């Protein structure tokens, strides 16, 4: 059973930094990981959607996770992205993540092929049976089209290895519903930066964020304030971060967040097609948000 106390607060869905020619820059990735840990981030999620997993080769996907485990060196847990719309591929990713020392798995609802609820159940159960690692089910219907129904989540939660969810639905009743239907300690992490305090108020445990790539210290401070009962402080930080949250999702993630990191001199804004650099209006929005946080002159 996973130690649930390790998966709370501000976790980061890491970008995958690339050189101008689109090759992964592992030296920069190491620096970004150190910045996250030094900023108070409590967990790292490599090779997820924010990490451009759809355009990573299988070899790159595995190496990104292995590299994150190596650099973080046990200081914070690593929840490896292991999602695919092919169950066989997802099982392979899960087994590899276990082999290289990841602490947990984040498995997204299969995208594009629109499985039924029975198909979802069999998909996740097959992965859970194939690995001893704890699994978080990633619900993001904006990208996957289908969602995990509460009745299906109830069935899945009966598996000992399925211990939590990343919820990017922005449905603030979900933590309450999921807590009721799962019938066991079930770790719930928001996948929507803009509603995270409300999610925590409904019984959530933390957030796997995009904004924390840019402002890890502020995101961590907000969660600490919440955990310590300093609600007004948490709200004040939330309000400061809100323009940056908006900017990060003005266009498809991770275009804006990579641009923001490039403005801070932390990595290039390079994306792999079919993603393209943000529009000028989005860049201006990101710049304004960075200035509002005094991260940019």
C-alpha atoms as a PDB file:
ATOM      1  CA  UNK A   1       0.000   0.000   0.000  1.00  0.00           C
ATOM      2  CA  UNK A   2       1.279   3.456  -0.929  1.00  0.00           C
ATOM      3  CA  UNK A   3       2.168   5.922   1.799  1.00  0.00           C
ATOM      4  CA  UNK A   4      -0.534   8.511   1.057  1.00  0.00           C
ATOM      5  CA  UNK A   5       1.181  11.179   3.142  1.00  0.00           C
ATOM      6  CA  UNK A   6       3.916  11.371   0.492  1.00  0.00           C
ATOM      7  CA  UNK A   7       1.454  12.483  -2.160  1.00  0.00           C
ATOM      8  CA  UNK A   8       0.023  15.751  -0.958  1.00  0.00           C
ATOM      9  CA  UNK A   9       0.710  19.412  -1.479  1.00  0.00           C
ATOM     10  CA  UNK A  10       2.263  20.784  -4.660  1.00  0.00           C
ATOM     11  CA  UNK A  11       3.420  18.159  -7.156  1.00  0.00           C
ATOM     12  CA  UNK A  12       4.634  19.141 -10.626  1.00  0.00           C
ATOM     13  CA  UNK A  13       3.852  17.695 -14.035  1.00  0.00           C
ATOM     14  CA  UNK A  14       7.306  18.282 -15.478  1.00  0.00           C
ATOM     15  CA  UNK A  15       8.004  19.728 -18.899  1.00  0.00           C
ATOM     16  CA  UNK A  16      10.505  17.884 -21.082  1.00  0.00           C
ATOM     17  CA  UNK A  17      13.115  20.502 -22.070  1.00  0.00           C
ATOM     18  CA  UNK A  18      14.462  20.300 -25.588  1.00  0.00           C
ATOM     19  CA  UNK A  19      17.239  21.899 -27.564  1.00  0.00           C
ATOM     20  CA  UNK A  20      16.409  23.980 -30.610  1.00  0.00           C
ATOM     21  CA  UNK A  21      16.528  20.897 -32.842  1.00  0.00           C
ATOM     22  CA  UNK A  22      13.953  19.074 -30.701  1.00  0.00           C
ATOM     23  CA  UNK A  23      16.337  16.724 -28.886  1.00  0.00           C
ATOM     24  CA  UNK A  24      15.739  16.211 -25.171  1.00  0.00           C
ATOM     25  CA  UNK A  25      18.159  18.240 -23.048  1.00  0.00           C
ATOM     26  CA  UNK A  26      18.829  16.123 -19.974  1.00  0.00           C
ATOM     27  CA  UNK A  27      21.272  18.625 -18.457  1.00  0.00           C
ATOM     28  CA  UNK A  28      18.546  21.258 -18.411  1.00  0.00           C
ATOM     29  CA  UNK A  29      16.044  18.682 -17.159  1.00  0.00           C
ATOM     30  CA  UNK A  30      18.308  18.022 -14.169  1.00  0.00           C
ATOM     31  CA  UNK A  31      18.451  21.737 -13.372  1.00  0.00           C
ATOM     32  CA  UNK A  32      14.670  22.015 -13.565  1.00  0.00           C
ATOM     33  CA  UNK A  33      14.275  19.056 -11.210  1.00  0.00           C
ATOM     34  CA  UNK A  34      16.672  20.633  -8.697  1.00  0.00           C
ATOM     35  CA  UNK A  35      14.730  23.895  -8.934  1.00  0.00           C
ATOM     36  CA  UNK A  36      11.505  22.034  -8.181  1.00  0.00           C
ATOM     37  CA  UNK A  37      12.876  20.261  -5.140  1.00  0.00           C
ATOM     38  CA  UNK A  38      14.523  23.424  -3.806  1.00  0.00           C
ATOM     39  CA  UNK A  39      11.234  25.275  -4.319  1.00  0.00           C
ATOM     40  CA  UNK A  40       9.279  22.929  -2.065  1.00  0.00           C
ATOM     41  CA  UNK A  41       7.617  20.690  -4.644  1.00  0.00           C
ATOM     42  CA  UNK A  42       6.588  17.428  -2.974  1.00  0.00           C
ATOM     43  CA  UNK A  43       6.462  15.118  -5.991  1.00  0.00           C
ATOM     44  CA  UNK A  44       7.547  14.927  -9.623  1.00  0.00           C
ATOM     45  CA  UNK A  45       5.588  13.590 -12.574  1.00  0.00           C
ATOM     46  CA  UNK A  46       7.776  12.991 -15.656  1.00  0.00           C
ATOM     47  CA  UNK A  47       6.536  11.932 -19.088  1.00  0.00           C
ATOM     48  CA  UNK A  48       2.963  13.076 -18.735  1.00  0.00           C
ATOM     49  CA  UNK A  49       1.031  15.263 -21.139  1.00  0.00           C
ATOM     50  CA  UNK A  50       2.920  18.332 -19.920  1.00  0.00           C
ATOM     51  CA  UNK A  51       6.087  16.395 -20.716  1.00  0.00           C
ATOM     52  CA  UNK A  52       4.872  15.891 -24.298  1.00  0.00           C
ATOM     53  CA  UNK A  53       4.515  12.153 -23.869  1.00  0.00           C
ATOM     54  CA  UNK A  54       2.473  11.758 -27.094  1.00  0.00           C
ATOM     55  CA  UNK A  55       5.511  12.757 -29.169  1.00  0.00           C
ATOM     56  CA  UNK A  56       8.235  11.000 -27.173  1.00  0.00           C
ATOM     57  CA  UNK A  57       9.562   7.755 -28.566  1.00  0.00           C
ATOM     58  CA  UNK A  58       9.240   4.741 -26.283  1.00  0.00           C
ATOM     59  CA  UNK A  59      12.975   4.898 -25.629  1.00  0.00           C
ATOM     60  CA  UNK A  60      12.789   8.610 -24.768  1.00  0.00           C
ATOM     61  CA  UNK A  61       9.768   8.063 -22.550  1.00  0.00           C
ATOM     62  CA  UNK A  62      11.627   5.458 -20.540  1.00  0.00           C
ATOM     63  CA  UNK A  63      14.788   7.514 -20.292  1.00  0.00           C
ATOM     64  CA  UNK A  64      12.919  10.651 -19.138  1.00  0.00           C
ATOM     65  CA  UNK A  65      11.489   8.675 -16.217  1.00  0.00           C
ATOM     66  CA  UNK A  66      14.783   6.967 -15.403  1.00  0.00           C
ATOM     67  CA  UNK A  67      16.598  10.301 -15.478  1.00  0.00           C
ATOM     68  CA  UNK A  68      14.060  11.898 -13.122  1.00  0.00           C
ATOM     69  CA  UNK A  69      14.476   9.015 -10.666  1.00  0.00           C
ATOM     70  CA  UNK A  70      18.262   9.349 -10.843  1.00  0.00           C
ATOM     71  CA  UNK A  71      18.346  13.112 -10.308  1.00  0.00           C
ATOM     72  CA  UNK A  72      15.693  13.281  -7.595  1.00  0.00           C
ATOM     73  CA  UNK A  73      17.499  10.447  -5.770  1.00  0.00           C
ATOM     74  CA  UNK A  74      14.672   9.699  -3.371  1.00  0.00           C
ATOM     75  CA  UNK A  75      14.291  13.255  -2.096  1.00  0.00           C
ATOM     76  CA  UNK A  76      10.728  13.421  -3.408  1.00  0.00           C
ATOM     77  CA  UNK A  77       8.585  10.662  -4.901  1.00  0.00           C
ATOM     78  CA  UNK A  78       8.431  10.168  -8.660  1.00  0.00           C
ATOM     79  CA  UNK A  79       5.046   9.343 -10.157  1.00  0.00           C
ATOM     80  CA  UNK A  80       5.811   8.161 -13.671  1.00  0.00           C
ATOM     81  CA  UNK A  81       3.509   8.887 -16.567  1.00  0.00           C
ATOM     82  CA  UNK A  82       2.468   5.476 -17.879  1.00  0.00           C
ATOM     83  CA  UNK A  83      -0.627   6.178 -19.926  1.00  0.00           C
ATOM     84  CA  UNK A  84      -1.472   5.064 -23.434  1.00  0.00           C
ATOM     85  CA  UNK A  85      -4.500   4.290 -25.557  1.00  0.00           C
ATOM     86  CA  UNK A  86      -2.948   0.838 -25.972  1.00  0.00           C
ATOM     87  CA  UNK A  87      -3.219  -1.341 -22.890  1.00  0.00           C
ATOM     88  CA  UNK A  88      -0.211  -3.405 -23.950  1.00  0.00           C
ATOM     89  CA  UNK A  89       1.918  -0.265 -24.285  1.00  0.00           C
ATOM     90  CA  UNK A  90       0.720   1.064 -20.919  1.00  0.00           C
ATOM     91  CA  UNK A  91       1.650  -2.225 -19.243  1.00  0.00           C
ATOM     92  CA  UNK A  92       5.108  -1.987 -20.768  1.00  0.00           C
ATOM     93  CA  UNK A  93       5.535   1.571 -19.515  1.00  0.00           C
ATOM     94  CA  UNK A  94       4.366   0.553 -16.037  1.00  0.00           C
ATOM     95  CA  UNK A  95       6.803  -2.335 -15.845  1.00  0.00           C
ATOM     96  CA  UNK A  96       9.675  -0.161 -17.032  1.00  0.00           C
ATOM     97  CA  UNK A  97       8.869   2.546 -14.471  1.00  0.00           C
ATOM     98  CA  UNK A  98       8.979  -0.054 -11.715  1.00  0.00           C
ATOM     99  CA  UNK A  99      12.276  -1.417 -13.015  1.00  0.00           C
ATOM    100  CA  UNK A 100      13.997   1.990 -12.912  1.00  0.00           C
ATOM    101  CA  UNK A 101      12.760   2.855  -9.436  1.00  0.00           C
ATOM    102  CA  UNK A 102       9.685   5.064  -9.839  1.00  0.00           C
ATOM    103  CA  UNK A 103       7.489   5.264  -6.752  1.00  0.00           C
ATOM    104  CA  UNK A 104       4.081   5.364  -8.411  1.00  0.00           C
ATOM    105  CA  UNK A 105       2.260   5.501 -11.740  1.00  0.00           C
ATOM    106  CA  UNK A 106      -0.046   8.061 -13.297  1.00  0.00           C
ATOM    107  CA  UNK A 107      -2.243   6.340 -15.892  1.00  0.00           C
ATOM    108  CA  UNK A 108      -4.465   8.507 -18.053  1.00  0.00           C
ATOM    109  CA  UNK A 109      -7.847   7.502 -19.432  1.00  0.00           C
ATOM    110  CA  UNK A 110      -7.166   6.171 -22.949  1.00  0.00           C
ATOM    111  CA  UNK A 111      -7.562   8.905 -25.524  1.00  0.00           C
ATOM    112  CA  UNK A 112      -8.891   8.845 -29.083  1.00  0.00           C
ATOM    113  CA  UNK A 113     -10.342   5.322 -29.131  1.00  0.00           C
ATOM    114  CA  UNK A 114     -13.209   6.184 -26.712  1.00  0.00           C
ATOM    115  CA  UNK A 115     -13.458   2.985 -24.651  1.00  0.00           C
ATOM    116  CA  UNK A 116     -16.673   2.042 -22.877  1.00  0.00           C
ATOM    117  CA  UNK A 117     -16.786   1.944 -19.080  1.00  0.00           C
ATOM    118  CA  UNK A 118     -16.212  -1.804 -19.255  1.00  0.00           C
ATOM    119  CA  UNK A 119     -13.232  -1.204 -21.513  1.00  0.00           C
ATOM    120  CA  UNK A 120     -11.850   1.348 -19.053  1.00  0.00           C
ATOM    121  CA  UNK A 121     -12.298  -1.095 -16.198  1.00  0.00           C
ATOM    122  CA  UNK A 122     -10.442  -3.874 -17.999  1.00  0.00           C
ATOM    123  CA  UNK A 123      -7.694  -1.483 -19.170  1.00  0.00           C
ATOM    124  CA  UNK A 124      -6.861  -0.191 -15.697  1.00  0.00           C
ATOM    125  CA  UNK A 125      -7.231  -3.585 -14.029  1.00  0.00           C
ATOM    126  CA  UNK A 126      -4.819  -5.130 -16.521  1.00  0.00           C
ATOM    127  CA  UNK A 127      -2.201  -2.491 -15.696  1.00  0.00           C
ATOM    128  CA  UNK A 128      -2.807  -2.803 -11.954  1.00  0.00           C
ATOM    129  CA  UNK A 129      -2.347  -6.565 -12.156  1.00  0.00           C
ATOM    130  CA  UNK A 130       0.939  -6.162 -14.048  1.00  0.00           C
ATOM    131  CA  UNK A 131       2.860  -4.042 -11.514  1.00  0.00           C
ATOM    132  CA  UNK A 132       3.240  -3.708  -7.737  1.00  0.00           C
ATOM    133  CA  UNK A 133       3.399   0.086  -7.996  1.00  0.00           C
ATOM    134  CA  UNK A 134       0.499   2.194  -6.696  1.00  0.00           C
ATOM    135  CA  UNK A 135      -1.589   3.711  -9.468  1.00  0.00           C
ATOM    136  CA  UNK A 136      -3.329   7.063  -9.779  1.00  0.00           C
ATOM    137  CA  UNK A 137      -6.072   7.201 -12.434  1.00  0.00           C
ATOM    138  CA  UNK A 138      -5.922  10.377 -14.498  1.00  0.00           C
ATOM    139  CA  UNK A 139      -9.305  11.803 -15.479  1.00  0.00           C
ATOM    140  CA  UNK A 140      -9.084  14.548 -18.111  1.00  0.00           C
ATOM    141  CA  UNK A 141     -12.098  14.374 -20.446  1.00  0.00           C
ATOM    142  CA  UNK A 142     -10.968  17.531 -22.243  1.00  0.00           C
ATOM    143  CA  UNK A 143      -8.192  15.442 -23.807  1.00  0.00           C
ATOM    144  CA  UNK A 144      -9.480  11.880 -23.518  1.00  0.00           C
ATOM    145  CA  UNK A 145     -13.174  12.588 -24.316  1.00  0.00           C
ATOM    146  CA  UNK A 146     -14.453   9.843 -22.007  1.00  0.00           C
ATOM    147  CA  UNK A 147     -14.308   9.930 -18.208  1.00  0.00           C
ATOM    148  CA  UNK A 148     -14.332   7.326 -15.454  1.00  0.00           C
ATOM    149  CA  UNK A 149     -17.873   7.105 -14.090  1.00  0.00           C
ATOM    150  CA  UNK A 150     -18.239   6.900 -10.299  1.00  0.00           C
ATOM    151  CA  UNK A 151     -19.545   3.334 -10.557  1.00  0.00           C
ATOM    152  CA  UNK A 152     -16.458   2.336 -12.550  1.00  0.00           C
ATOM    153  CA  UNK A 153     -14.177   4.116 -10.100  1.00  0.00           C
ATOM    154  CA  UNK A 154     -15.854   2.159  -7.322  1.00  0.00           C
ATOM    155  CA  UNK A 155     -15.060  -1.118  -9.077  1.00  0.00           C
ATOM    156  CA  UNK A 156     -11.479  -0.072  -9.792  1.00  0.00           C
ATOM    157  CA  UNK A 157     -10.792   1.111  -6.243  1.00  0.00           C
ATOM    158  CA  UNK A 158     -11.341  -2.440  -5.031  1.00  0.00           C
ATOM    159  CA  UNK A 159      -7.910  -3.261  -6.492  1.00  0.00           C
ATOM    160  CA  UNK A 160      -5.199  -2.841  -3.858  1.00  0.00           C
ATOM    161  CA  UNK A 161      -2.835  -1.088  -6.302  1.00  0.00           C
ATOM    162  CA  UNK A 162      -5.348   1.570  -7.414  1.00  0.00           C
ATOM    163  CA  UNK A 163      -4.990   4.139  -4.666  1.00  0.00           C
ATOM    164  CA  UNK A 164      -5.845   7.571  -6.059  1.00  0.00           C
ATOM    165  CA  UNK A 165      -6.784   9.876  -8.885  1.00  0.00           C
ATOM    166  CA  UNK A 166      -5.614  12.980 -10.660  1.00  0.00           C
ATOM    167  CA  UNK A 167      -8.785  14.883 -11.436  1.00  0.00           C
ATOM    168  CA  UNK A 168      -8.684  17.513 -14.180  1.00  0.00           C
ATOM    169  CA  UNK A 169     -12.441  17.774 -14.624  1.00  0.00           C
ATOM    170  CA  UNK A 170     -12.795  21.006 -12.586  1.00  0.00           C
ATOM    171  CA  UNK A 171     -15.904  19.383 -11.081  1.00  0.00           C
ATOM    172  CA  UNK A 172     -15.621  20.413  -7.456  1.00  0.00           C
ATOM    173  CA  UNK A 173     -18.130  17.814  -6.298  1.00  0.00           C
ATOM    174  CA  UNK A 174     -15.879  15.022  -7.525  1.00  0.00           C
ATOM    175  CA  UNK A 175     -13.691  14.685  -4.408  1.00  0.00           C
ATOM    176  CA  UNK A 176     -16.835  14.210  -2.335  1.00  0.00           C
ATOM    177  CA  UNK A 177     -18.328  11.678  -4.734  1.00  0.00           C
ATOM    178  CA  UNK A 178     -15.090   9.726  -5.124  1.00  0.00           C
ATOM    179  CA  UNK A 179     -14.523   9.581  -1.398  1.00  0.00           C
ATOM    180  CA  UNK A 180     -18.015   8.153  -0.994  1.00  0.00           C
ATOM    181  CA  UNK A 181     -17.831   5.531  -3.739  1.00  0.00           C
ATOM    182  CA  UNK A 182     -14.281   4.255  -3.211  1.00  0.00           C
ATOM    183  CA  UNK A 183     -14.881   3.201   0.370  1.00  0.00           C
ATOM    184  CA  UNK A 184     -11.202   3.290   1.339  1.00  0.00           C
ATOM    185  CA  UNK A 185      -8.448   5.872   1.842  1.00  0.00           C
ATOM    186  CA  UNK A 186      -8.175   7.289  -1.681  1.00  0.00           C
ATOM    187  CA  UNK A 187      -5.658   9.976  -2.561  1.00  0.00           C
ATOM    188  CA  UNK A 188      -7.164  12.742  -4.682  1.00  0.00           C
ATOM    189  CA  UNK A 189      -4.949  15.189  -6.546  1.00  0.00           C
ATOM    190  CA  UNK A 190      -6.304  18.068  -8.586  1.00  0.00           C
ATOM    191  CA  UNK A 191      -5.176  18.466 -12.168  1.00  0.00           C
ATOM    192  CA  UNK A 192      -6.665  21.944 -12.498  1.00  0.00           C
ATOM    193  CA  UNK A 193      -4.482  24.742 -11.125  1.00  0.00           C
ATOM    194  CA  UNK A 194      -7.218  27.350 -11.056  1.00  0.00           C
ATOM    195  CA  UNK A 195      -9.539  25.416  -8.729  1.00  0.00           C
ATOM    196  CA  UNK A 196      -7.055  23.728  -6.440  1.00  0.00           C
ATOM    197  CA  UNK A 197      -8.040  25.467  -3.196  1.00  0.00           C
ATOM    198  CA  UNK A 198     -11.677  24.647  -3.802  1.00  0.00           C
ATOM    199  CA  UNK A 199     -10.648  21.066  -4.561  1.00  0.00           C
ATOM    200  CA  UNK A 200      -8.748  20.885  -1.274  1.00  0.00           C
ATOM    201  CA  UNK A 201     -11.768  22.312   0.511  1.00  0.00           C
ATOM    202  CA  UNK A 202     -13.871  19.463  -0.874  1.00  0.00           C
ATOM    203  CA  UNK A 203     -11.471  16.913   0.566  1.00  0.00           C
ATOM    204  CA  UNK A 204      -8.612  16.755  -1.941  1.00  0.00           C
ATOM    205  CA  UNK A 205      -5.019  16.096  -0.955  1.00  0.00           C
ATOM    206  CA  UNK A 206      -2.956  18.184  -3.364  1.00  0.00           C
ATOM    207  CA  UNK A 207      -2.379  19.195  -6.953  1.00  0.00           C
ATOM    208  CA  UNK A 208      -0.354  17.896  -9.873  1.00  0.00           C
ATOM    209  CA  UNK A 209       0.187  21.286 -11.421  1.00  0.00           C
ATOM    210  CA  UNK A 210       1.526  22.965 -14.524  1.00  0.00           C
ATOM    211  CA  UNK A 211       1.985  26.422 -13.017  1.00  0.00           C
ATOM    212  CA  UNK A 212       4.400  24.989 -10.460  1.00  0.00           C
ATOM    213  CA  UNK A 213       6.902  24.468 -13.285  1.00  0.00           C
ATOM    214  CA  UNK A 214       7.182  28.264 -13.341  1.00  0.00           C
ATOM    215  CA  UNK A 215       6.574  29.252  -9.712  1.00  0.00           C
ATOM    216  CA  UNK A 216       7.287  26.187  -7.566  1.00  0.00           C
ATOM    217  CA  UNK A 217       7.930  28.189  -4.410  1.00  0.00           C
ATOM    218  CA  UNK A 218       4.612  30.050  -4.518  1.00  0.00           C
ATOM    219  CA  UNK A 219       2.602  26.922  -5.296  1.00  0.00           C
ATOM    220  CA  UNK A 220       4.295  25.081  -2.434  1.00  0.00           C
ATOM    221  CA  UNK A 221       3.709  28.000  -0.069  1.00  0.00           C
ATOM    222  CA  UNK A 222       0.013  28.014  -0.911  1.00  0.00           C
ATOM    223  CA  UNK A 223      -0.327  24.338  -0.024  1.00  0.00           C
ATOM    224  CA  UNK A 224       1.664  24.780   3.169  1.00  0.00           C
ATOM    225  CA  UNK A 225      -0.592  27.656   4.208  1.00  0.00           C
ATOM    226  CA  UNK A 226      -3.639  25.478   3.571  1.00  0.00           C
ATOM    227  CA  UNK A 227      -2.227  22.543   5.536  1.00  0.00           C
ATOM    228  CA  UNK A 228      -1.374  24.823   8.461  1.00  0.00           C
ATOM    229  CA  UNK A 229      -4.874  26.291   8.532  1.00  0.00           C
ATOM    230  CA  UNK A 230      -3.803  29.723   7.281  1.00  0.00           C
ATOM    231  CA  UNK A 231      -6.697  30.015   4.871  1.00  0.00           C
ATOM    232  CA  UNK A 232      -6.410  33.730   4.205  1.00  0.00           C
ATOM    233  CA  UNK A 233      -2.734  33.358   3.361  1.00  0.00           C
ATOM    234  CA  UNK A 234      -3.561  30.501   0.997  1.00  0.00           C
ATOM    235  CA  UNK A 235      -6.259  32.572  -0.698  1.00  0.00           C
ATOM    236  CA  UNK A 236      -3.905  35.528  -1.059  1.00  0.00           C
ATOM    237  CA  UNK A 237      -1.314  33.339  -2.805  1.00  0.00           C
ATOM    238  CA  UNK A 238      -4.012  31.776  -4.967  1.00  0.00           C
ATOM    239  CA  UNK A 239      -5.112  35.243  -6.077  1.00  0.00           C
ATOM    240  CA  UNK A 240      -1.536  36.195  -6.953  1.00  0.00           C
ATOM    241  CA  UNK A 241      -1.110  33.013  -8.992  1.00  0.00           C
ATOM    242  CA  UNK A 242      -4.435  33.255 -10.791  1.00  0.00           C
ATOM    243  CA  UNK A 243      -3.212  35.334 -13.781  1.00  0.00           C
ATOM    244  CA  UNK A 244      -0.395  32.835 -14.323  1.00  0.00           C
ATOM    245  CA  UNK A 245      -2.845  29.919 -14.140  1.00  0.00           C
ATOM    246  CA  UNK A 246      -4.972  31.606 -16.803  1.00  0.00           C
ATOM    247  CA  UNK A 247      -1.964  32.226 -19.021  1.00  0.00           C
ATOM    248  CA  UNK A 248      -0.739  28.629 -18.770  1.00  0.00           C
ATOM    249  CA  UNK A 249      -3.948  27.361 -20.331  1.00  0.00           C
ATOM    250  CA  UNK A 250      -4.652  30.121 -22.848  1.00  0.00           C
ATOM    251  CA  UNK A 251      -3.427  27.624 -25.465  1.00  0.00           C
ATOM    252  CA  UNK A 252      -2.720  23.906 -25.435  1.00  0.00           C
ATOM    253  CA  UNK A 253      -0.360  22.838 -22.669  1.00  0.00           C
ATOM    254  CA  UNK A 254       2.699  22.829 -22.624  1.00  0.00           C
ATOM    255  CA  UNK A 255       3.123  25.662 -25.139  1.00  0.00           C
ATOM    256  CA  UNK A 256       2.602  28.527 -22.679  1.00  0.00           C
ATOM    257  CA  UNK A 257       4.537  26.937 -19.818  1.00  0.00           C
ATOM    258  CA  UNK A 258       7.592  26.261 -21.991  1.00  0.00           C
ATOM    259  CA  UNK A 259       7.444  29.828 -23.250  1.00  0.00           C
ATOM    260  CA  UNK A 260       7.251  31.076 -19.644  1.00  0.00           C
ATOM    261  CA  UNK A 261      10.292  29.014 -18.660  1.00  0.00           C
ATOM    262  CA  UNK A 262      12.173  30.369 -21.662  1.00  0.00           C
ATOM    263  CA  UNK A 263      11.427  33.927 -20.517  1.00  0.00           C
ATOM    264  CA  UNK A 264      12.981  33.040 -17.159  1.00  0.00           C
ATOM    265  CA  UNK A 265      16.074  31.714 -18.940  1.00  0.00           C
ATOM    266  CA  UNK A 266      15.458  28.150 -17.770  1.00  0.00           C
ATOM    267  CA  UNK A 267      14.936  26.299 -21.045  1.00  0.00           C
ATOM    268  CA  UNK A 268      14.129  26.856 -24.691  1.00  0.00           C
ATOM    269  CA  UNK A 269      10.473  27.208 -25.751  1.00  0.00           C
ATOM    270  CA  UNK A 270      10.946  24.318 -28.228  1.00  0.00           C
ATOM    271  CA  UNK A 271       7.951  22.051 -28.772  1.00  0.00           C
ATOM    272  CA  UNK A 272       7.498  19.040 -31.004  1.00  0.00           C
ATOM    273  CA  UNK A 273       4.900  19.139 -33.741  1.00  0.00           C
ATOM    274  CA  UNK A 274       1.937  19.081 -33.886  1.00  0.00           C
ATOM    275  CA  UNK A 275       2.333  21.569 -31.026  1.00  0.00           C
ATOM    276  CA  UNK A 276       3.500  25.013 -32.123  1.00  0.00           C
ATOM    277  CA  UNK A 277       4.765  28.086 -30.278  1.00  0.00           C
ATOM    278  CA  UNK A 278       2.069  30.227 -28.638  1.00  0.00           C
ATOM    279  CA  UNK A 279       0.486  33.133 -30.441  1.00  0.00           C
ATOM    280  CA  UNK A 280       1.786  36.626 -29.728  1.00  0.00           C
ATOM    281  CA  UNK A 281      -1.281  37.483 -27.642  1.00  0.00           C
ATOM    282  CA  UNK A 282      -0.618  34.461 -25.443  1.00  0.00           C
ATOM    283  CA  UNK A 283       3.035  35.405 -25.046  1.00  0.00           C
ATOM    284  CA  UNK A 284       2.009  38.878 -23.902  1.00  0.00           C
ATOM    285  CA  UNK A 285      -0.411  37.334 -21.416  1.00  0.00           C
ATOM    286  CA  UNK A 286       2.331  35.092 -20.034  1.00  0.00           C
ATOM    287  CA  UNK A 287       4.760  38.018 -19.789  1.00  0.00           C
ATOM    288  CA  UNK A 288       2.202  40.109 -17.908  1.00  0.00           C
ATOM    289  CA  UNK A 289       1.555  37.277 -15.460  1.00  0.00           C
ATOM    290  CA  UNK A 290       5.283  36.804 -14.849  1.00  0.00           C
ATOM    291  CA  UNK A 291       5.685  40.517 -14.201  1.00  0.00           C
ATOM    292  CA  UNK A 292       2.760  40.508 -11.769  1.00  0.00           C
ATOM    293  CA  UNK A 293       4.684  37.928  -9.719  1.00  0.00           C
ATOM    294  CA  UNK A 294       7.937  39.895 -10.072  1.00  0.00           C
ATOM    295  CA  UNK A 295       9.522  36.992 -11.923  1.00  0.00           C
ATOM    296  CA  UNK A 296      10.202  39.121 -14.971  1.00  0.00           C
ATOM    297  CA  UNK A 297      11.397  42.731 -15.227  1.00  0.00           C
END
